[in-house]
């Protein structure tokens, strides 16, 4: 069995549901983090806002790191 590229149609319905669920969670986390970053004053953010905007784009990890490390409390 070769492990080439798989298309959407090669996935089972359960796998498709899993991919869509994870993508929705990731998008929701990123949009929430970007909105928070845009509305939060720069004085309450550790480091530059531009840097955090890029970090947020990194899968699930980016928004989680922003919420745990990027905000001054």
PDB file of N, CA and C in Angstrom:
ATOM      1  N   UNK A   1       0.838  -1.181   0.000  1.00  0.00           N
ATOM      2  CA  UNK A   1       0.000   0.000   0.000  1.00  0.00           C
ATOM      3  C   UNK A   1       0.886   1.248   0.000  1.00  0.00           C
ATOM      4  N   UNK A   2       0.646   2.142  -0.916  1.00  0.00           N
ATOM      5  CA  UNK A   2       1.423   3.376  -0.981  1.00  0.00           C
ATOM      6  C   UNK A   2       0.702   4.470  -0.213  1.00  0.00           C
ATOM      7  N   UNK A   3       1.482   5.350   0.325  1.00  0.00           N
ATOM      8  CA  UNK A   3       0.921   6.455   1.108  1.00  0.00           C
ATOM      9  C   UNK A   3       1.076   7.749   0.323  1.00  0.00           C
ATOM     10  N   UNK A   4       0.348   7.888  -0.742  1.00  0.00           N
ATOM     11  CA  UNK A   4       0.382   9.117  -1.526  1.00  0.00           C
ATOM     12  C   UNK A   4      -0.582  10.138  -0.957  1.00  0.00           C
ATOM     13  N   UNK A   5      -0.820  11.160  -1.718  1.00  0.00           N
ATOM     14  CA  UNK A   5      -1.773  12.186  -1.293  1.00  0.00           C
ATOM     15  C   UNK A   5      -3.173  11.596  -1.246  1.00  0.00           C
ATOM     16  N   UNK A   6      -3.919  11.997  -0.233  1.00  0.00           N
ATOM     17  CA  UNK A   6      -5.302  11.572  -0.127  1.00  0.00           C
ATOM     18  C   UNK A   6      -6.191  12.764  -0.415  1.00  0.00           C
ATOM     19  N   UNK A   7      -7.242  12.520  -1.137  1.00  0.00           N
ATOM     20  CA  UNK A   7      -8.183  13.598  -1.408  1.00  0.00           C
ATOM     21  C   UNK A   7      -9.319  13.537  -0.393  1.00  0.00           C
ATOM     22  N   UNK A   8     -10.136  14.566  -0.392  1.00  0.00           N
ATOM     23  CA  UNK A   8     -11.263  14.643   0.522  1.00  0.00           C
ATOM     24  C   UNK A   8     -12.171  13.419   0.364  1.00  0.00           C
ATOM     25  N   UNK A   9     -12.382  12.992  -0.878  1.00  0.00           N
ATOM     26  CA  UNK A   9     -13.270  11.858  -1.138  1.00  0.00           C
ATOM     27  C   UNK A   9     -12.700  10.531  -0.636  1.00  0.00           C
ATOM     28  N   UNK A  10     -11.391  10.467  -0.395  1.00  0.00           N
ATOM     29  CA  UNK A  10     -10.774   9.244   0.130  1.00  0.00           C
ATOM     30  C   UNK A  10     -11.033   9.067   1.627  1.00  0.00           C
ATOM     31  N   UNK A  11     -11.439  10.136   2.297  1.00  0.00           N
ATOM     32  CA  UNK A  11     -11.683  10.073   3.737  1.00  0.00           C
ATOM     33  C   UNK A  11     -13.077   9.509   4.008  1.00  0.00           C
ATOM     34  N   UNK A  12     -13.181   8.779   5.109  1.00  0.00           N
ATOM     35  CA  UNK A  12     -14.490   8.266   5.517  1.00  0.00           C
ATOM     36  C   UNK A  12     -15.322   9.432   6.045  1.00  0.00           C
ATOM     37  N   UNK A  13     -16.635   9.266   6.128  1.00  0.00           N
ATOM     38  CA  UNK A  13     -17.464  10.345   6.687  1.00  0.00           C
ATOM     39  C   UNK A  13     -17.029  10.747   8.102  1.00  0.00           C
ATOM     40  N   UNK A  14     -16.620   9.787   8.910  1.00  0.00           N
ATOM     41  CA  UNK A  14     -16.142  10.106  10.258  1.00  0.00           C
ATOM     42  C   UNK A  14     -14.875  10.929  10.232  1.00  0.00           C
ATOM     43  N   UNK A  15     -13.960  10.607   9.318  1.00  0.00           N
ATOM     44  CA  UNK A  15     -12.719  11.370   9.190  1.00  0.00           C
ATOM     45  C   UNK A  15     -13.004  12.774   8.680  1.00  0.00           C
ATOM     46  N   UNK A  16     -13.934  12.896   7.746  1.00  0.00           N
ATOM     47  CA  UNK A  16     -14.302  14.210   7.241  1.00  0.00           C
ATOM     48  C   UNK A  16     -14.892  15.076   8.362  1.00  0.00           C
ATOM     49  N   UNK A  17     -15.732  14.462   9.191  1.00  0.00           N
ATOM     50  CA  UNK A  17     -16.322  15.181  10.320  1.00  0.00           C
ATOM     51  C   UNK A  17     -15.246  15.639  11.295  1.00  0.00           C
ATOM     52  N   UNK A  18     -14.279  14.770  11.562  1.00  0.00           N
ATOM     53  CA  UNK A  18     -13.182  15.115  12.468  1.00  0.00           C
ATOM     54  C   UNK A  18     -12.370  16.285  11.928  1.00  0.00           C
ATOM     55  N   UNK A  19     -12.045  16.235  10.645  1.00  0.00           N
ATOM     56  CA  UNK A  19     -11.263  17.319  10.029  1.00  0.00           C
ATOM     57  C   UNK A  19     -12.036  18.639  10.110  1.00  0.00           C
ATOM     58  N   UNK A  20     -13.322  18.609   9.788  1.00  0.00           N
ATOM     59  CA  UNK A  20     -14.125  19.833   9.830  1.00  0.00           C
ATOM     60  C   UNK A  20     -14.277  20.364  11.258  1.00  0.00           C
ATOM     61  N   UNK A  21     -14.421  19.477  12.228  1.00  0.00           N
ATOM     62  CA  UNK A  21     -14.542  19.890  13.621  1.00  0.00           C
ATOM     63  C   UNK A  21     -13.251  20.558  14.100  1.00  0.00           C
ATOM     64  N   UNK A  22     -12.113  19.915  13.828  1.00  0.00           N
ATOM     65  CA  UNK A  22     -10.827  20.487  14.242  1.00  0.00           C
ATOM     66  C   UNK A  22     -10.548  21.810  13.538  1.00  0.00           C
ATOM     67  N   UNK A  23     -10.897  21.895  12.257  1.00  0.00           N
ATOM     68  CA  UNK A  23     -10.697  23.146  11.518  1.00  0.00           C
ATOM     69  C   UNK A  23     -11.575  24.255  12.098  1.00  0.00           C
ATOM     70  N   UNK A  24     -12.795  23.928  12.488  1.00  0.00           N
ATOM     71  CA  UNK A  24     -13.694  24.919  13.087  1.00  0.00           C
ATOM     72  C   UNK A  24     -13.158  25.416  14.424  1.00  0.00           C
ATOM     73  N   UNK A  25     -12.639  24.496  15.225  1.00  0.00           N
ATOM     74  CA  UNK A  25     -12.068  24.881  16.516  1.00  0.00           C
ATOM     75  C   UNK A  25     -10.860  25.785  16.313  1.00  0.00           C
ATOM     76  N   UNK A  26      -9.994  25.404  15.384  1.00  0.00           N
ATOM     77  CA  UNK A  26      -8.801  26.217  15.124  1.00  0.00           C
ATOM     78  C   UNK A  26      -9.179  27.604  14.632  1.00  0.00           C
ATOM     79  N   UNK A  27     -10.101  27.675  13.704  1.00  0.00           N
ATOM     80  CA  UNK A  27     -10.522  28.971  13.171  1.00  0.00           C
ATOM     81  C   UNK A  27     -11.162  29.824  14.260  1.00  0.00           C
ATOM     82  N   UNK A  28     -11.984  29.219  15.102  1.00  0.00           N
ATOM     83  CA  UNK A  28     -12.623  29.962  16.199  1.00  0.00           C
ATOM     84  C   UNK A  28     -11.591  30.511  17.180  1.00  0.00           C
ATOM     85  N   UNK A  29     -10.616  29.675  17.536  1.00  0.00           N
ATOM     86  CA  UNK A  29      -9.549  30.136  18.436  1.00  0.00           C
ATOM     87  C   UNK A  29      -8.779  31.299  17.818  1.00  0.00           C
ATOM     88  N   UNK A  30      -8.409  31.161  16.549  1.00  0.00           N
ATOM     89  CA  UNK A  30      -7.628  32.204  15.886  1.00  0.00           C
ATOM     90  C   UNK A  30      -8.422  33.507  15.773  1.00  0.00           C
ATOM     91  N   UNK A  31      -9.678  33.411  15.358  1.00  0.00           N
ATOM     92  CA  UNK A  31     -10.487  34.632  15.224  1.00  0.00           C
ATOM     93  C   UNK A  31     -10.701  35.315  16.573  1.00  0.00           C
ATOM     94  N   UNK A  32     -10.910  34.525  17.614  1.00  0.00           N
ATOM     95  CA  UNK A  32     -11.065  35.098  18.950  1.00  0.00           C
ATOM     96  C   UNK A  32      -9.787  35.793  19.395  1.00  0.00           C
ATOM     97  N   UNK A  33      -8.655  35.146  19.161  1.00  0.00           N
ATOM     98  CA  UNK A  33      -7.371  35.732  19.559  1.00  0.00           C
ATOM     99  C   UNK A  33      -7.065  36.998  18.753  1.00  0.00           C
ATOM    100  N   UNK A  34      -7.301  36.961  17.435  1.00  0.00           N
ATOM    101  CA  UNK A  34      -7.047  38.150  16.618  1.00  0.00           C
ATOM    102  C   UNK A  34      -7.967  39.306  17.008  1.00  0.00           C
ATOM    103  N   UNK A  35      -9.212  39.007  17.331  1.00  0.00           N
ATOM    104  CA  UNK A  35     -10.137  40.056  17.764  1.00  0.00           C
ATOM    105  C   UNK A  35      -9.681  40.663  19.084  1.00  0.00           C
ATOM    106  N   UNK A  36      -9.305  39.791  20.017  1.00  0.00           N
ATOM    107  CA  UNK A  36      -8.805  40.274  21.300  1.00  0.00           C
ATOM    108  C   UNK A  36      -7.565  41.140  21.104  1.00  0.00           C
ATOM    109  N   UNK A  37      -6.663  40.681  20.262  1.00  0.00           N
ATOM    110  CA  UNK A  37      -5.426  41.425  19.996  1.00  0.00           C
ATOM    111  C   UNK A  37      -5.726  42.791  19.388  1.00  0.00           C
ATOM    112  N   UNK A  38      -6.674  42.837  18.469  1.00  0.00           N
ATOM    113  CA  UNK A  38      -7.006  44.104  17.809  1.00  0.00           C
ATOM    114  C   UNK A  38      -7.642  45.095  18.776  1.00  0.00           C
ATOM    115  N   UNK A  39      -8.438  44.604  19.702  1.00  0.00           N
ATOM    116  CA  UNK A  39      -9.155  45.490  20.621  1.00  0.00           C
ATOM    117  C   UNK A  39      -8.370  45.823  21.885  1.00  0.00           C
ATOM    118  N   UNK A  40      -7.374  45.035  22.208  1.00  0.00           N
ATOM    119  CA  UNK A  40      -6.599  45.220  23.434  1.00  0.00           C
ATOM    120  C   UNK A  40      -5.551  46.320  23.219  1.00  0.00           C
ATOM    121  N   UNK A  41      -5.415  47.243  24.169  1.00  0.00           N
ATOM    122  CA  UNK A  41      -4.368  48.267  24.062  1.00  0.00           C
ATOM    123  C   UNK A  41      -2.978  47.626  24.027  1.00  0.00           C
ATOM    124  N   UNK A  42      -2.079  48.228  23.275  1.00  0.00           N
ATOM    125  CA  UNK A  42      -0.718  47.699  23.135  1.00  0.00           C
ATOM    126  C   UNK A  42      -0.013  47.577  24.481  1.00  0.00           C
ATOM    127  N   UNK A  43      -0.367  48.422  25.429  1.00  0.00           N
ATOM    128  CA  UNK A  43       0.267  48.375  26.748  1.00  0.00           C
ATOM    129  C   UNK A  43      -0.081  47.098  27.517  1.00  0.00           C
ATOM    130  N   UNK A  44      -1.141  46.407  27.108  1.00  0.00           N
ATOM    131  CA  UNK A  44      -1.555  45.179  27.783  1.00  0.00           C
ATOM    132  C   UNK A  44      -1.079  43.916  27.056  1.00  0.00           C
ATOM    133  N   UNK A  45      -0.256  44.110  26.025  1.00  0.00           N
ATOM    134  CA  UNK A  45       0.247  42.973  25.242  1.00  0.00           C
ATOM    135  C   UNK A  45       1.757  42.898  25.438  1.00  0.00           C
ATOM    136  N   UNK A  46       2.242  41.703  25.736  1.00  0.00           N
ATOM    137  CA  UNK A  46       3.695  41.499  25.868  1.00  0.00           C
ATOM    138  C   UNK A  46       4.293  41.394  24.471  1.00  0.00           C
ATOM    139  N   UNK A  47       5.184  42.296  24.112  1.00  0.00           N
ATOM    140  CA  UNK A  47       5.785  42.277  22.783  1.00  0.00           C
ATOM    141  C   UNK A  47       4.912  43.013  21.783  1.00  0.00           C
ATOM    142  N   UNK A  48       5.324  42.962  20.528  1.00  0.00           N
ATOM    143  CA  UNK A  48       4.606  43.689  19.488  1.00  0.00           C
ATOM    144  C   UNK A  48       3.350  42.977  19.026  1.00  0.00           C
ATOM    145  N   UNK A  49       2.357  43.774  18.680  1.00  0.00           N
ATOM    146  CA  UNK A  49       1.103  43.205  18.188  1.00  0.00           C
ATOM    147  C   UNK A  49       1.300  42.461  16.867  1.00  0.00           C
ATOM    148  N   UNK A  50       2.178  42.973  16.016  1.00  0.00           N
ATOM    149  CA  UNK A  50       2.441  42.302  14.733  1.00  0.00           C
ATOM    150  C   UNK A  50       3.004  40.908  14.925  1.00  0.00           C
ATOM    151  N   UNK A  51       3.891  40.779  15.890  1.00  0.00           N
ATOM    152  CA  UNK A  51       4.475  39.468  16.183  1.00  0.00           C
ATOM    153  C   UNK A  51       3.403  38.508  16.675  1.00  0.00           C
ATOM    154  N   UNK A  52       2.530  38.990  17.568  1.00  0.00           N
ATOM    155  CA  UNK A  52       1.472  38.124  18.086  1.00  0.00           C
ATOM    156  C   UNK A  52       0.462  37.752  17.006  1.00  0.00           C
ATOM    157  N   UNK A  53       0.196  38.665  16.078  1.00  0.00           N
ATOM    158  CA  UNK A  53      -0.716  38.336  14.978  1.00  0.00           C
ATOM    159  C   UNK A  53      -0.167  37.168  14.165  1.00  0.00           C
ATOM    160  N   UNK A  54       1.136  37.144  13.954  1.00  0.00           N
ATOM    161  CA  UNK A  54       1.763  36.036  13.221  1.00  0.00           C
ATOM    162  C   UNK A  54       1.756  34.754  14.046  1.00  0.00           C
ATOM    163  N   UNK A  55       2.018  34.857  15.344  1.00  0.00           N
ATOM    164  CA  UNK A  55       2.039  33.678  16.212  1.00  0.00           C
ATOM    165  C   UNK A  55       0.656  33.032  16.249  1.00  0.00           C
ATOM    166  N   UNK A  56      -0.381  33.835  16.291  1.00  0.00           N
ATOM    167  CA  UNK A  56      -1.748  33.319  16.350  1.00  0.00           C
ATOM    168  C   UNK A  56      -2.061  32.449  15.138  1.00  0.00           C
ATOM    169  N   UNK A  57      -1.432  32.730  14.005  1.00  0.00           N
ATOM    170  CA  UNK A  57      -1.693  31.974  12.776  1.00  0.00           C
ATOM    171  C   UNK A  57      -1.151  30.552  12.814  1.00  0.00           C
ATOM    172  N   UNK A  58      -0.372  30.206  13.836  1.00  0.00           N
ATOM    173  CA  UNK A  58       0.256  28.887  13.911  1.00  0.00           C
ATOM    174  C   UNK A  58      -0.690  27.903  14.594  1.00  0.00           C
ATOM    175  N   UNK A  59      -1.379  27.112  13.832  1.00  0.00           N
ATOM    176  CA  UNK A  59      -2.306  26.052  14.254  1.00  0.00           C
ATOM    177  C   UNK A  59      -2.992  26.340  15.579  1.00  0.00           C
ATOM    178  N   UNK A  60      -3.218  25.320  16.399  1.00  0.00           N
ATOM    179  CA  UNK A  60      -3.875  25.492  17.692  1.00  0.00           C
ATOM    180  C   UNK A  60      -2.945  26.167  18.689  1.00  0.00           C
ATOM    181  N   UNK A  61      -1.679  25.982  18.497  1.00  0.00           N
ATOM    182  CA  UNK A  61      -0.689  26.439  19.470  1.00  0.00           C
ATOM    183  C   UNK A  61      -0.647  27.961  19.567  1.00  0.00           C
ATOM    184  N   UNK A  62      -0.699  28.649  18.455  1.00  0.00           N
ATOM    185  CA  UNK A  62      -0.563  30.105  18.444  1.00  0.00           C
ATOM    186  C   UNK A  62      -1.570  30.828  19.327  1.00  0.00           C
ATOM    187  N   UNK A  63      -2.874  30.599  19.132  1.00  0.00           N
ATOM    188  CA  UNK A  63      -3.844  31.286  19.987  1.00  0.00           C
ATOM    189  C   UNK A  63      -3.696  30.920  21.463  1.00  0.00           C
ATOM    190  N   UNK A  64      -3.385  29.671  21.745  1.00  0.00           N
ATOM    191  CA  UNK A  64      -3.219  29.255  23.140  1.00  0.00           C
ATOM    192  C   UNK A  64      -2.024  29.956  23.782  1.00  0.00           C
ATOM    193  N   UNK A  65      -0.929  30.078  23.026  1.00  0.00           N
ATOM    194  CA  UNK A  65       0.251  30.781  23.544  1.00  0.00           C
ATOM    195  C   UNK A  65      -0.078  32.264  23.747  1.00  0.00           C
ATOM    196  N   UNK A  66      -0.815  32.861  22.821  1.00  0.00           N
ATOM    197  CA  UNK A  66      -1.191  34.265  22.971  1.00  0.00           C
ATOM    198  C   UNK A  66      -2.001  34.473  24.257  1.00  0.00           C
ATOM    199  N   UNK A  67      -2.999  33.632  24.477  1.00  0.00           N
ATOM    200  CA  UNK A  67      -3.846  33.809  25.657  1.00  0.00           C
ATOM    201  C   UNK A  67      -3.119  33.507  26.962  1.00  0.00           C
ATOM    202  N   UNK A  68      -2.120  32.631  26.933  1.00  0.00           N
ATOM    203  CA  UNK A  68      -1.406  32.296  28.165  1.00  0.00           C
ATOM    204  C   UNK A  68      -0.170  33.155  28.403  1.00  0.00           C
ATOM    205  N   UNK A  69       0.493  33.612  27.341  1.00  0.00           N
ATOM    206  CA  UNK A  69       1.761  34.336  27.497  1.00  0.00           C
ATOM    207  C   UNK A  69       1.737  35.759  26.958  1.00  0.00           C
ATOM    208  N   UNK A  70       0.824  36.060  26.049  1.00  0.00           N
ATOM    209  CA  UNK A  70       0.875  37.336  25.356  1.00  0.00           C
ATOM    210  C   UNK A  70       0.153  38.484  26.026  1.00  0.00           C
ATOM    211  N   UNK A  71      -0.725  38.180  26.972  1.00  0.00           N
ATOM    212  CA  UNK A  71      -1.524  39.220  27.606  1.00  0.00           C
ATOM    213  C   UNK A  71      -0.969  39.524  28.993  1.00  0.00           C
ATOM    214  N   UNK A  72      -0.769  40.813  29.250  1.00  0.00           N
ATOM    215  CA  UNK A  72      -0.340  41.235  30.594  1.00  0.00           C
ATOM    216  C   UNK A  72      -1.579  41.244  31.481  1.00  0.00           C
ATOM    217  N   UNK A  73      -1.492  40.631  32.608  1.00  0.00           N
ATOM    218  CA  UNK A  73      -2.633  40.581  33.541  1.00  0.00           C
ATOM    219  C   UNK A  73      -2.351  41.459  34.740  1.00  0.00           C
TER     220      UNK A  73
END
